[in-house]
Amino acid sequence: MVKVIVTAVPGAGKTTILQKVSEKLKDIKIINFGDIMFEEAKKKFGISSRDEMRVKIGLHEYRLLQEAAGEIIGRMDGDIIIDTHASVKTPYGYYPGLPSKVLEEIKPDAIVFLEFRPEDILARRVKDLAKTESEGKRIREVERIEDVEEHQRISREMAAAAANHISCYFQVIRFLEPQKYPYQHAEEGASKIIELVEKLRSL
């Protein structure tokens, strides 16, 4: 049984990469950590959207939701990729997306951090602004390049610290050149994640 956590900052293109992984690796489950937290938040606090969790739930309750999601994922069988964020940007500062108790429940074999050019992330977020909640898409804030650079740096550091805490492998997959064709980053990222999963399966 292999468990890999894949992280990136919001709007980077992580979900598209993991969709490509799912298409090519049929026997792996892609689990969205935030979706599981949201289901727990709906039941316990009547939250109506994922973004509400960042601003309407207190720190103690947010921790409990993370831990509940970690317990649910920790009980899952089979090979799993967990789609999540290493840090969460809140009105109060950055908050760890992978706290110690969550990691101890999930027990990942590896943590992957996907790093992109900040201008590519901003371009993807601008596209998100044209989509509505009714179409099933989340509208993301558009920040400055400096804000994205800071969030990526902090997220990478938090992901590395998480891997150190749980004693698992840590890998950074970087996309520092512009795409030469549509979905180039998604295809290349999916191939690298699949390669990692196959290596872990062989151990």
C-alpha atoms as a PDB file:
ATOM      1  CA  MET A   1       0.000   0.000   0.000  1.00  0.00           C
ATOM      2  CA  VAL A   2       1.485   3.334  -1.124  1.00  0.00           C
ATOM      3  CA  LYS A   3       0.417   6.769   0.110  1.00  0.00           C
ATOM      4  CA  VAL A   4       1.755   9.912  -1.550  1.00  0.00           C
ATOM      5  CA  ILE A   5       0.812  13.471  -0.623  1.00  0.00           C
ATOM      6  CA  VAL A   6       0.934  15.966  -3.510  1.00  0.00           C
ATOM      7  CA  THR A   7       0.945  19.669  -2.673  1.00  0.00           C
ATOM      8  CA  ALA A   8       1.069  23.023  -4.458  1.00  0.00           C
ATOM      9  CA  VAL A   9      -0.255  26.527  -3.881  1.00  0.00           C
ATOM     10  CA  PRO A  10      -3.881  27.190  -4.939  1.00  0.00           C
ATOM     11  CA  GLY A  11      -4.429  27.650  -8.665  1.00  0.00           C
ATOM     12  CA  ALA A  12      -1.071  26.157  -9.650  1.00  0.00           C
ATOM     13  CA  GLY A  13      -2.523  23.323 -11.739  1.00  0.00           C
ATOM     14  CA  LYS A  14      -2.144  20.454  -9.260  1.00  0.00           C
ATOM     15  CA  THR A  15      -5.653  19.102  -9.795  1.00  0.00           C
ATOM     16  CA  THR A  16      -5.139  18.927 -13.579  1.00  0.00           C
ATOM     17  CA  ILE A  17      -1.899  16.994 -13.060  1.00  0.00           C
ATOM     18  CA  LEU A  18      -3.626  14.541 -10.749  1.00  0.00           C
ATOM     19  CA  GLN A  19      -6.444  14.069 -13.262  1.00  0.00           C
ATOM     20  CA  LYS A  20      -3.778  12.990 -15.771  1.00  0.00           C
ATOM     21  CA  VAL A  21      -2.332  10.612 -13.167  1.00  0.00           C
ATOM     22  CA  SER A  22      -5.777   9.088 -12.640  1.00  0.00           C
ATOM     23  CA  GLU A  23      -6.245   8.609 -16.401  1.00  0.00           C
ATOM     24  CA  LYS A  24      -2.923   6.790 -16.767  1.00  0.00           C
ATOM     25  CA  LEU A  25      -2.798   4.904 -13.465  1.00  0.00           C
ATOM     26  CA  LYS A  26      -6.241   3.337 -13.152  1.00  0.00           C
ATOM     27  CA  ASP A  27      -5.603   1.450  -9.912  1.00  0.00           C
ATOM     28  CA  ILE A  28      -4.785   4.460  -7.737  1.00  0.00           C
ATOM     29  CA  LYS A  29      -7.255   6.582  -5.762  1.00  0.00           C
ATOM     30  CA  ILE A  30      -6.982  10.387  -5.785  1.00  0.00           C
ATOM     31  CA  ILE A  31      -8.281  11.773  -2.494  1.00  0.00           C
ATOM     32  CA  ASN A  32      -8.871  15.500  -2.023  1.00  0.00           C
ATOM     33  CA  PHE A  33      -8.089  16.362   1.594  1.00  0.00           C
ATOM     34  CA  GLY A  34     -10.094  19.605   1.482  1.00  0.00           C
ATOM     35  CA  ASP A  35     -13.191  17.804   0.208  1.00  0.00           C
ATOM     36  CA  ILE A  36     -13.115  15.442   3.179  1.00  0.00           C
ATOM     37  CA  MET A  37     -12.639  18.378   5.571  1.00  0.00           C
ATOM     38  CA  PHE A  38     -15.543  20.172   3.899  1.00  0.00           C
ATOM     39  CA  GLU A  39     -17.865  17.185   4.343  1.00  0.00           C
ATOM     40  CA  GLU A  40     -16.973  17.093   8.033  1.00  0.00           C
ATOM     41  CA  ALA A  41     -17.445  20.888   8.322  1.00  0.00           C
ATOM     42  CA  LYS A  42     -20.894  20.683   6.719  1.00  0.00           C
ATOM     43  CA  LYS A  43     -21.965  18.058   9.223  1.00  0.00           C
ATOM     44  CA  LYS A  44     -20.469  19.705  12.300  1.00  0.00           C
ATOM     45  CA  PHE A  45     -20.658  23.445  11.608  1.00  0.00           C
ATOM     46  CA  GLY A  46     -23.131  23.969   8.753  1.00  0.00           C
ATOM     47  CA  ILE A  47     -20.452  25.401   6.460  1.00  0.00           C
ATOM     48  CA  SER A  48     -21.714  25.925   2.896  1.00  0.00           C
ATOM     49  CA  SER A  49     -18.440  26.319   0.926  1.00  0.00           C
ATOM     50  CA  ARG A  50     -14.809  25.243   1.281  1.00  0.00           C
ATOM     51  CA  ASP A  51     -13.539  28.815   1.328  1.00  0.00           C
ATOM     52  CA  GLU A  52     -15.749  29.550   4.354  1.00  0.00           C
ATOM     53  CA  MET A  53     -13.646  27.148   6.392  1.00  0.00           C
ATOM     54  CA  ARG A  54     -10.687  29.534   6.271  1.00  0.00           C
ATOM     55  CA  VAL A  55     -12.546  32.498   7.723  1.00  0.00           C
ATOM     56  CA  LYS A  56     -15.566  31.230   9.685  1.00  0.00           C
ATOM     57  CA  ILE A  57     -14.091  28.359  11.687  1.00  0.00           C
ATOM     58  CA  GLY A  58     -11.886  29.004  14.686  1.00  0.00           C
ATOM     59  CA  LEU A  59      -8.371  27.596  14.984  1.00  0.00           C
ATOM     60  CA  HIS A  60      -9.307  24.832  17.422  1.00  0.00           C
ATOM     61  CA  GLU A  61     -12.228  23.656  15.289  1.00  0.00           C
ATOM     62  CA  TYR A  62     -10.123  23.820  12.115  1.00  0.00           C
ATOM     63  CA  ARG A  63      -7.496  21.579  13.743  1.00  0.00           C
ATOM     64  CA  LEU A  64     -10.191  19.074  14.683  1.00  0.00           C
ATOM     65  CA  LEU A  65     -11.479  19.021  11.091  1.00  0.00           C
ATOM     66  CA  GLN A  66      -7.962  18.381   9.775  1.00  0.00           C
ATOM     67  CA  GLU A  67      -7.440  15.576  12.260  1.00  0.00           C
ATOM     68  CA  ALA A  68     -10.803  14.014  11.398  1.00  0.00           C
ATOM     69  CA  ALA A  69      -9.904  14.061   7.699  1.00  0.00           C
ATOM     70  CA  GLY A  70      -6.510  12.541   8.502  1.00  0.00           C
ATOM     71  CA  GLU A  71      -8.152   9.714  10.435  1.00  0.00           C
ATOM     72  CA  ILE A  72     -10.537   8.970   7.547  1.00  0.00           C
ATOM     73  CA  ILE A  73      -7.691   8.858   5.015  1.00  0.00           C
ATOM     74  CA  GLY A  74      -5.518   6.832   7.368  1.00  0.00           C
ATOM     75  CA  ARG A  75      -8.152   4.063   7.392  1.00  0.00           C
ATOM     76  CA  MET A  76      -8.351   3.867   3.576  1.00  0.00           C
ATOM     77  CA  ASP A  77      -7.004   0.795   1.799  1.00  0.00           C
ATOM     78  CA  GLY A  78      -5.084   0.580  -1.449  1.00  0.00           C
ATOM     79  CA  ASP A  79      -2.660   2.969  -3.152  1.00  0.00           C
ATOM     80  CA  ILE A  80      -3.658   6.582  -2.558  1.00  0.00           C
ATOM     81  CA  ILE A  81      -2.572  10.040  -3.678  1.00  0.00           C
ATOM     82  CA  ILE A  82      -3.712  12.820  -1.348  1.00  0.00           C
ATOM     83  CA  ASP A  83      -4.326  16.185  -3.033  1.00  0.00           C
ATOM     84  CA  THR A  84      -3.791  19.019  -0.549  1.00  0.00           C
ATOM     85  CA  HIS A  85      -1.886  22.200   0.379  1.00  0.00           C
ATOM     86  CA  ALA A  86       1.214  22.377   2.566  1.00  0.00           C
ATOM     87  CA  SER A  87       0.181  25.797   3.841  1.00  0.00           C
ATOM     88  CA  VAL A  88      -3.142  27.631   3.994  1.00  0.00           C
ATOM     89  CA  LYS A  89      -3.212  31.408   3.589  1.00  0.00           C
ATOM     90  CA  THR A  90      -5.645  32.926   6.101  1.00  0.00           C
ATOM     91  CA  PRO A  91      -6.446  36.495   7.236  1.00  0.00           C
ATOM     92  CA  TYR A  92      -4.237  35.780  10.277  1.00  0.00           C
ATOM     93  CA  GLY A  93      -1.186  34.375   8.497  1.00  0.00           C
ATOM     94  CA  TYR A  94      -0.073  31.052   7.040  1.00  0.00           C
ATOM     95  CA  TYR A  95      -1.358  27.882   8.666  1.00  0.00           C
ATOM     96  CA  PRO A  96       0.122  24.373   8.205  1.00  0.00           C
ATOM     97  CA  GLY A  97      -1.874  22.184   5.841  1.00  0.00           C
ATOM     98  CA  LEU A  98      -0.054  19.084   7.115  1.00  0.00           C
ATOM     99  CA  PRO A  99       0.080  19.258  10.923  1.00  0.00           C
ATOM    100  CA  SER A 100       1.879  16.552  12.874  1.00  0.00           C
ATOM    101  CA  LYS A 101      -1.250  14.692  14.026  1.00  0.00           C
ATOM    102  CA  VAL A 102      -2.593  14.532  10.469  1.00  0.00           C
ATOM    103  CA  LEU A 103       0.687  13.118   9.164  1.00  0.00           C
ATOM    104  CA  GLU A 104       0.760  10.537  11.942  1.00  0.00           C
ATOM    105  CA  GLU A 105      -2.705   9.328  10.892  1.00  0.00           C
ATOM    106  CA  ILE A 106      -1.967   9.216   7.150  1.00  0.00           C
ATOM    107  CA  LYS A 107       1.618   7.884   7.387  1.00  0.00           C
ATOM    108  CA  PRO A 108       2.660   8.939   3.862  1.00  0.00           C
ATOM    109  CA  ASP A 109       5.529   7.268   2.027  1.00  0.00           C
ATOM    110  CA  ALA A 110       6.375  10.495   0.206  1.00  0.00           C
ATOM    111  CA  ILE A 111       5.415  14.160  -0.009  1.00  0.00           C
ATOM    112  CA  VAL A 112       5.656  15.921  -3.381  1.00  0.00           C
ATOM    113  CA  PHE A 113       5.737  19.688  -3.814  1.00  0.00           C
ATOM    114  CA  LEU A 114       4.856  21.064  -7.259  1.00  0.00           C
ATOM    115  CA  GLU A 115       6.566  24.386  -8.011  1.00  0.00           C
ATOM    116  CA  PHE A 116       5.590  26.651 -10.918  1.00  0.00           C
ATOM    117  CA  ARG A 117       6.560  30.037 -12.284  1.00  0.00           C
ATOM    118  CA  PRO A 118       4.511  32.625 -10.354  1.00  0.00           C
ATOM    119  CA  GLU A 119       3.375  34.240 -13.620  1.00  0.00           C
ATOM    120  CA  ASP A 120       1.944  30.895 -14.775  1.00  0.00           C
ATOM    121  CA  ILE A 121       0.016  30.543 -11.513  1.00  0.00           C
ATOM    122  CA  LEU A 122      -1.351  34.072 -11.850  1.00  0.00           C
ATOM    123  CA  ALA A 123      -2.425  33.384 -15.447  1.00  0.00           C
ATOM    124  CA  ARG A 124      -4.344  30.291 -14.317  1.00  0.00           C
ATOM    125  CA  ARG A 125      -6.018  32.238 -11.519  1.00  0.00           C
ATOM    126  CA  VAL A 126      -7.143  34.932 -13.965  1.00  0.00           C
ATOM    127  CA  LYS A 127      -8.834  32.193 -16.009  1.00  0.00           C
ATOM    128  CA  ASP A 128     -10.571  31.013 -12.841  1.00  0.00           C
ATOM    129  CA  LEU A 129     -12.101  34.457 -12.407  1.00  0.00           C
ATOM    130  CA  ALA A 130     -14.130  33.939 -15.580  1.00  0.00           C
ATOM    131  CA  LYS A 131     -15.772  30.818 -14.139  1.00  0.00           C
ATOM    132  CA  THR A 132     -18.593  30.801 -11.625  1.00  0.00           C
ATOM    133  CA  GLU A 133     -19.437  28.763  -8.577  1.00  0.00           C
ATOM    134  CA  SER A 134     -22.505  27.470 -10.395  1.00  0.00           C
ATOM    135  CA  GLU A 135     -20.223  25.772 -12.920  1.00  0.00           C
ATOM    136  CA  GLY A 136     -18.495  23.919 -10.111  1.00  0.00           C
ATOM    137  CA  LYS A 137     -15.382  26.105 -10.241  1.00  0.00           C
ATOM    138  CA  ARG A 138     -13.924  28.059  -7.364  1.00  0.00           C
ATOM    139  CA  ILE A 139     -13.100  31.731  -7.963  1.00  0.00           C
ATOM    140  CA  ARG A 140      -9.602  32.457  -6.676  1.00  0.00           C
ATOM    141  CA  GLU A 141      -8.038  35.711  -5.586  1.00  0.00           C
ATOM    142  CA  VAL A 142      -5.525  37.295  -7.951  1.00  0.00           C
ATOM    143  CA  GLU A 143      -2.384  38.298  -6.065  1.00  0.00           C
ATOM    144  CA  ARG A 144       0.902  39.960  -6.943  1.00  0.00           C
ATOM    145  CA  ILE A 145       3.838  37.896  -8.198  1.00  0.00           C
ATOM    146  CA  GLU A 146       5.634  38.618  -4.911  1.00  0.00           C
ATOM    147  CA  ASP A 147       2.708  37.171  -2.942  1.00  0.00           C
ATOM    148  CA  VAL A 148       2.747  33.965  -4.988  1.00  0.00           C
ATOM    149  CA  GLU A 149       6.530  33.660  -4.618  1.00  0.00           C
ATOM    150  CA  GLU A 150       6.225  34.000  -0.845  1.00  0.00           C
ATOM    151  CA  HIS A 151       3.389  31.465  -0.629  1.00  0.00           C
ATOM    152  CA  GLN A 152       5.342  28.952  -2.735  1.00  0.00           C
ATOM    153  CA  ARG A 153       8.475  29.399  -0.609  1.00  0.00           C
ATOM    154  CA  ILE A 154       6.604  28.957   2.666  1.00  0.00           C
ATOM    155  CA  SER A 155       4.655  25.980   1.307  1.00  0.00           C
ATOM    156  CA  ARG A 156       7.847  24.274   0.133  1.00  0.00           C
ATOM    157  CA  GLU A 157       9.440  24.803   3.555  1.00  0.00           C
ATOM    158  CA  MET A 158       6.352  23.468   5.352  1.00  0.00           C
ATOM    159  CA  ALA A 159       6.186  20.431   3.060  1.00  0.00           C
ATOM    160  CA  ALA A 160       9.870  19.683   3.754  1.00  0.00           C
ATOM    161  CA  ALA A 161       9.287  20.064   7.504  1.00  0.00           C
ATOM    162  CA  ALA A 162       6.303  17.691   7.277  1.00  0.00           C
ATOM    163  CA  ALA A 163       8.420  15.059   5.511  1.00  0.00           C
ATOM    164  CA  ASN A 164      11.106  15.468   8.156  1.00  0.00           C
ATOM    165  CA  HIS A 165       8.581  15.006  10.967  1.00  0.00           C
ATOM    166  CA  ILE A 166       7.069  11.813   9.587  1.00  0.00           C
ATOM    167  CA  SER A 167      10.374  10.498   8.129  1.00  0.00           C
ATOM    168  CA  CYS A 168       9.191  10.047   4.548  1.00  0.00           C
ATOM    169  CA  TYR A 169      10.623  10.921   1.137  1.00  0.00           C
ATOM    170  CA  PHE A 170      10.357  14.501  -0.106  1.00  0.00           C
ATOM    171  CA  GLN A 171      10.438  15.466  -3.766  1.00  0.00           C
ATOM    172  CA  VAL A 172      10.137  18.838  -5.506  1.00  0.00           C
ATOM    173  CA  ILE A 173       8.904  18.808  -9.114  1.00  0.00           C
ATOM    174  CA  ARG A 174       9.683  22.141 -10.749  1.00  0.00           C
ATOM    175  CA  PHE A 175       8.188  23.737 -13.858  1.00  0.00           C
ATOM    176  CA  LEU A 176      10.387  26.788 -14.340  1.00  0.00           C
ATOM    177  CA  GLU A 177      10.056  27.166 -18.122  1.00  0.00           C
ATOM    178  CA  PRO A 178       7.001  28.344 -20.086  1.00  0.00           C
ATOM    179  CA  GLN A 179       4.880  25.610 -21.643  1.00  0.00           C
ATOM    180  CA  LYS A 180       5.697  24.855 -25.278  1.00  0.00           C
ATOM    181  CA  TYR A 181       2.275  23.314 -25.862  1.00  0.00           C
ATOM    182  CA  PRO A 182      -1.024  23.101 -23.927  1.00  0.00           C
ATOM    183  CA  TYR A 183      -0.958  20.849 -20.844  1.00  0.00           C
ATOM    184  CA  GLN A 184       2.791  20.237 -21.127  1.00  0.00           C
ATOM    185  CA  HIS A 185       3.244  20.758 -17.377  1.00  0.00           C
ATOM    186  CA  ALA A 186       0.276  18.511 -16.607  1.00  0.00           C
ATOM    187  CA  GLU A 187       1.618  15.670 -18.759  1.00  0.00           C
ATOM    188  CA  GLU A 188       5.178  15.944 -17.436  1.00  0.00           C
ATOM    189  CA  GLY A 189       4.053  16.300 -13.828  1.00  0.00           C
ATOM    190  CA  ALA A 190       1.772  13.268 -14.101  1.00  0.00           C
ATOM    191  CA  SER A 191       4.607  11.178 -15.561  1.00  0.00           C
ATOM    192  CA  LYS A 192       6.947  12.107 -12.702  1.00  0.00           C
ATOM    193  CA  ILE A 193       4.352  11.324 -10.042  1.00  0.00           C
ATOM    194  CA  ILE A 194       3.541   7.979 -11.673  1.00  0.00           C
ATOM    195  CA  GLU A 195       7.261   7.177 -11.801  1.00  0.00           C
ATOM    196  CA  LEU A 196       7.531   7.912  -8.068  1.00  0.00           C
ATOM    197  CA  VAL A 197       4.504   5.730  -7.249  1.00  0.00           C
ATOM    198  CA  GLU A 198       5.924   2.823  -9.273  1.00  0.00           C
ATOM    199  CA  LYS A 199       9.291   3.127  -7.492  1.00  0.00           C
ATOM    200  CA  LEU A 200       7.581   3.109  -4.087  1.00  0.00           C
ATOM    201  CA  ARG A 201       5.543   0.059  -5.095  1.00  0.00           C
ATOM    202  CA  SER A 202       8.711  -1.792  -5.927  1.00  0.00           C
ATOM    203  CA  LEU A 203      10.311  -1.204  -2.506  1.00  0.00           C
END
